[in-house]
């Protein structure tokens, strides 16, 4: 699967092997367990992020991974997003906006 990430007008395609969605299940459960404790989304504390917010949080971490050229983390965060919402094809991020302004297509 390919997840297209548009960051500040630059497009990056992240290739997520289909097998990763099942092989990384333990990682996804750990991410969810951490998020069940709440998360600071920009200026707001979110007690229990909903599925869309969880994807926004992962997309925010995805941007950091891309900026740091950490392909493994970028792939894992992309896989997490696709595990939560397999219909998503693109993530649109403007790094000057709040995390809540991350959009999915």
C-alpha atoms as a PDB file:
ATOM      1  CA  UNK A   1       0.000   0.000   0.000  1.00  0.00           C
ATOM      2  CA  UNK A   2       1.126   3.527  -0.705  1.00  0.00           C
ATOM      3  CA  UNK A   3       0.300   6.452   1.567  1.00  0.00           C
ATOM      4  CA  UNK A   4       0.867   9.839  -0.042  1.00  0.00           C
ATOM      5  CA  UNK A   5       1.981  12.482   2.427  1.00  0.00           C
ATOM      6  CA  UNK A   6       1.775  16.124   1.368  1.00  0.00           C
ATOM      7  CA  UNK A   7       3.830  18.273   3.740  1.00  0.00           C
ATOM      8  CA  UNK A   8       3.891  21.987   2.990  1.00  0.00           C
ATOM      9  CA  UNK A   9       3.257  21.277  -0.695  1.00  0.00           C
ATOM     10  CA  UNK A  10       5.935  18.575  -1.006  1.00  0.00           C
ATOM     11  CA  UNK A  11       4.688  15.038  -1.738  1.00  0.00           C
ATOM     12  CA  UNK A  12       6.267  11.940  -0.272  1.00  0.00           C
ATOM     13  CA  UNK A  13       5.010   8.435  -1.010  1.00  0.00           C
ATOM     14  CA  UNK A  14       5.434   5.959   1.830  1.00  0.00           C
ATOM     15  CA  UNK A  15       5.343   2.314   0.793  1.00  0.00           C
ATOM     16  CA  UNK A  16       3.737   0.177   3.493  1.00  0.00           C
ATOM     17  CA  UNK A  17       4.050  -3.551   2.834  1.00  0.00           C
ATOM     18  CA  UNK A  18       0.651  -5.249   3.167  1.00  0.00           C
ATOM     19  CA  UNK A  19       2.096  -7.732   5.647  1.00  0.00           C
ATOM     20  CA  UNK A  20       3.123  -4.926   7.993  1.00  0.00           C
ATOM     21  CA  UNK A  21      -0.495  -4.229   8.934  1.00  0.00           C
ATOM     22  CA  UNK A  22      -0.719  -7.631  10.601  1.00  0.00           C
ATOM     23  CA  UNK A  23       2.928  -8.027  11.653  1.00  0.00           C
ATOM     24  CA  UNK A  24       3.022  -4.717  13.546  1.00  0.00           C
ATOM     25  CA  UNK A  25      -0.131  -5.376  15.547  1.00  0.00           C
ATOM     26  CA  UNK A  26       1.799  -5.324  18.864  1.00  0.00           C
ATOM     27  CA  UNK A  27       3.256  -1.917  17.968  1.00  0.00           C
ATOM     28  CA  UNK A  28      -0.209  -0.563  17.103  1.00  0.00           C
ATOM     29  CA  UNK A  29      -1.604  -1.869  20.409  1.00  0.00           C
ATOM     30  CA  UNK A  30       1.217  -0.125  22.289  1.00  0.00           C
ATOM     31  CA  UNK A  31       0.495   3.157  20.489  1.00  0.00           C
ATOM     32  CA  UNK A  32      -3.200   2.806  21.336  1.00  0.00           C
ATOM     33  CA  UNK A  33      -2.417   1.974  24.956  1.00  0.00           C
ATOM     34  CA  UNK A  34      -0.288   5.118  25.229  1.00  0.00           C
ATOM     35  CA  UNK A  35      -2.997   7.237  23.585  1.00  0.00           C
ATOM     36  CA  UNK A  36      -5.646   5.811  25.923  1.00  0.00           C
ATOM     37  CA  UNK A  37      -3.940   7.878  28.632  1.00  0.00           C
ATOM     38  CA  UNK A  38      -4.630  11.104  26.718  1.00  0.00           C
ATOM     39  CA  UNK A  39      -2.517  13.332  24.494  1.00  0.00           C
ATOM     40  CA  UNK A  40      -1.587  16.995  24.178  1.00  0.00           C
ATOM     41  CA  UNK A  41      -2.842  18.026  20.731  1.00  0.00           C
ATOM     42  CA  UNK A  42      -1.460  21.492  20.191  1.00  0.00           C
ATOM     43  CA  UNK A  43      -2.981  23.732  22.828  1.00  0.00           C
ATOM     44  CA  UNK A  44      -5.554  21.167  23.936  1.00  0.00           C
ATOM     45  CA  UNK A  45      -5.358  18.090  26.136  1.00  0.00           C
ATOM     46  CA  UNK A  46      -7.494  15.303  24.689  1.00  0.00           C
ATOM     47  CA  UNK A  47      -8.499  12.810  27.373  1.00  0.00           C
ATOM     48  CA  UNK A  48      -9.281   9.929  25.018  1.00  0.00           C
ATOM     49  CA  UNK A  49      -8.424  10.613  21.359  1.00  0.00           C
ATOM     50  CA  UNK A  50     -10.975   9.301  18.855  1.00  0.00           C
ATOM     51  CA  UNK A  51      -9.844   7.337  15.778  1.00  0.00           C
ATOM     52  CA  UNK A  52      -9.420  10.468  13.630  1.00  0.00           C
ATOM     53  CA  UNK A  53      -7.407  12.217  16.340  1.00  0.00           C
ATOM     54  CA  UNK A  54      -5.229   9.118  16.727  1.00  0.00           C
ATOM     55  CA  UNK A  55      -4.491   9.286  13.002  1.00  0.00           C
ATOM     56  CA  UNK A  56      -3.702  13.012  13.297  1.00  0.00           C
ATOM     57  CA  UNK A  57      -1.267  12.269  16.126  1.00  0.00           C
ATOM     58  CA  UNK A  58       0.386   9.535  14.066  1.00  0.00           C
ATOM     59  CA  UNK A  59       0.561  11.898  11.068  1.00  0.00           C
ATOM     60  CA  UNK A  60       2.275  14.501  13.235  1.00  0.00           C
ATOM     61  CA  UNK A  61       4.856  11.882  14.256  1.00  0.00           C
ATOM     62  CA  UNK A  62       5.110  10.889  10.588  1.00  0.00           C
ATOM     63  CA  UNK A  63       6.147  14.435   9.646  1.00  0.00           C
ATOM     64  CA  UNK A  64       8.864  14.371  12.290  1.00  0.00           C
ATOM     65  CA  UNK A  65      10.093  11.025  10.952  1.00  0.00           C
ATOM     66  CA  UNK A  66      10.204  12.401   7.398  1.00  0.00           C
ATOM     67  CA  UNK A  67      12.063  15.524   8.530  1.00  0.00           C
ATOM     68  CA  UNK A  68      14.584  13.359  10.433  1.00  0.00           C
ATOM     69  CA  UNK A  69      14.888  10.955   7.484  1.00  0.00           C
ATOM     70  CA  UNK A  70      13.777   8.099   9.736  1.00  0.00           C
ATOM     71  CA  UNK A  71      12.249   5.773   7.128  1.00  0.00           C
ATOM     72  CA  UNK A  72      11.412   3.037   9.622  1.00  0.00           C
ATOM     73  CA  UNK A  73       9.369   5.336  11.857  1.00  0.00           C
ATOM     74  CA  UNK A  74       7.720   6.954   8.816  1.00  0.00           C
ATOM     75  CA  UNK A  75       6.665   3.531   7.586  1.00  0.00           C
ATOM     76  CA  UNK A  76       5.405   2.472  11.030  1.00  0.00           C
ATOM     77  CA  UNK A  77       3.350   5.649  11.497  1.00  0.00           C
ATOM     78  CA  UNK A  78       1.943   5.263   7.975  1.00  0.00           C
ATOM     79  CA  UNK A  79       1.058   1.660   8.752  1.00  0.00           C
ATOM     80  CA  UNK A  80      -0.645   2.747  11.977  1.00  0.00           C
ATOM     81  CA  UNK A  81      -2.758   5.271  10.062  1.00  0.00           C
ATOM     82  CA  UNK A  82      -3.696   2.661   7.459  1.00  0.00           C
ATOM     83  CA  UNK A  83      -4.555   0.139  10.181  1.00  0.00           C
ATOM     84  CA  UNK A  84      -7.022   2.616  11.687  1.00  0.00           C
ATOM     85  CA  UNK A  85      -8.429   3.905   8.395  1.00  0.00           C
ATOM     86  CA  UNK A  86      -7.578   1.685   5.410  1.00  0.00           C
ATOM     87  CA  UNK A  87      -9.554   3.950   3.067  1.00  0.00           C
ATOM     88  CA  UNK A  88      -7.067   6.813   3.515  1.00  0.00           C
ATOM     89  CA  UNK A  89      -4.878   7.443   0.477  1.00  0.00           C
ATOM     90  CA  UNK A  90      -3.340  10.816   1.371  1.00  0.00           C
ATOM     91  CA  UNK A  91      -2.405  12.886   4.377  1.00  0.00           C
ATOM     92  CA  UNK A  92      -2.277  16.669   3.935  1.00  0.00           C
ATOM     93  CA  UNK A  93      -0.189  18.562   6.466  1.00  0.00           C
ATOM     94  CA  UNK A  94       0.666  22.235   6.772  1.00  0.00           C
ATOM     95  CA  UNK A  95       3.365  22.356   9.430  1.00  0.00           C
ATOM     96  CA  UNK A  96       2.391  25.901  10.376  1.00  0.00           C
ATOM     97  CA  UNK A  97      -1.102  24.767  11.456  1.00  0.00           C
ATOM     98  CA  UNK A  98      -2.301  22.958  14.548  1.00  0.00           C
ATOM     99  CA  UNK A  99      -2.287  19.166  14.666  1.00  0.00           C
ATOM    100  CA  UNK A 100      -6.092  19.268  14.415  1.00  0.00           C
ATOM    101  CA  UNK A 101      -5.711  20.743  10.906  1.00  0.00           C
ATOM    102  CA  UNK A 102      -4.136  17.580   9.505  1.00  0.00           C
ATOM    103  CA  UNK A 103      -6.516  16.248   6.843  1.00  0.00           C
ATOM    104  CA  UNK A 104      -7.004  12.851   5.271  1.00  0.00           C
ATOM    105  CA  UNK A 105      -8.215  12.057   1.772  1.00  0.00           C
END
